[in-house]
Amino acid sequence: MKIAIDIGGTYFRWEIIGVAKGKEPIQKIDIQNFLSRLIRRYKVRALGISFAGQVHHDRILSAPNVHSSFNPAAFGIPYIIENDLHCAVLAEARYWQSSHIGALYSGTGLGSGIIDEGRLIRGYRNLAGEIGHIPYRQAPFRCGCGKHNCLELYASGNGIHKWAKYLGVQASLKEPKIKELYLEALATAAAIILSLCNCEFLILGGGVIQANPDVLQWLQQNLPRYAPPFALKKCAILQSQLSDASLEGAKILLERLV
C-alpha cells in the first residue's frame, strides 16, 4: 500500500491509494501518531507528502503555518516530501494539460507554484514560489515568518483573521474593508506571477478562493489595472477544478517511488 498526505495549515488530508481517504482538523490531532497508526493499519510501504512549508531534499526547513512537529524519516519507509504549492501545480499542470502554468492559492497562507516548459521552478534551495512573503505593505502585526509586511498578511485566511481582529469586524470578505485589502493584495500577487513567469494558465485555489467564488470574476475583470498587457495576453485566469490539488500532487510524487 501507498499513502498520499497533504499537511496544510488547517487540515490534514490523506488517501490510501485506491482504498480509503479522510480529512482531519490539524489542531485536533498529533500528525506523527495519527499517520503512524494509518501506516500500521494499512501496512503502508511508501509515503508521498505535500507539506505547507519550506522543503529541501526531503527535509523540512520551516513551516510558518503548521504548528505541529512532523518527522517522516521516523516511519522507516521510503518517502518523498514536497512543498504543497509545488504539489498543487504539478496536479494543475496535469489537469489543464499545460507546460506553462502557475498556481496561486489563498488558504491559511498565500503560496504559488510555477511550471515552465514542463519543469517545476524550484530555485536554489527549492524555495521558489514563496509569493506570500514578498514585501508589500507594513501591517500592524507580524506574519508567521516573522516579518510585518508580507503579502500573506493581506491575501490569506490568516491575514483576514488578523485584520478582522485589528479592525473589530467579522473575519469575512463580506466586510468591505477586509475585502478591499484582500483583493488588492491578491491582484498584486497575481500580477507579479504573470509578469515574471508569462504563464499560459494562472489557476486560483485554496480555501478562501473556494469559499468566495466571486473573487475569480473580480480578478479577471481587474487584473489589467495591475498586470502589464503582455503578461495577460492569451493567459487564462481560472479557478481550480480539483478538490485537493496538493493531495493529487502528492500522488504524483508517489509515482517517482517504485
Foldseek 3Di string as FASTA:
>chain_A
DEKFWEADLFKIWMDDPPPDIDIDGLVVDQVAVVVLVVCVVVVHAEYFYAYQAADFPQHGDDHLRRPHDDDPVVSVHHYHYAHLQQLLVVLVCVVVVDQFEKEWEAAQFTWMWTGHNNHTDQPPRRPPTRQQADFAQADPDAGSVGGRGGLRLQAHQNNLVVVCVVVVHDSACVPPVSVVSRLVSSLQSVQVCLVVRLGLEYEYYYDNCVVPVVSQVVSVVPSVVRHPPSSPVNYHYYYDPDPRSSSVSSVVVVVVPD
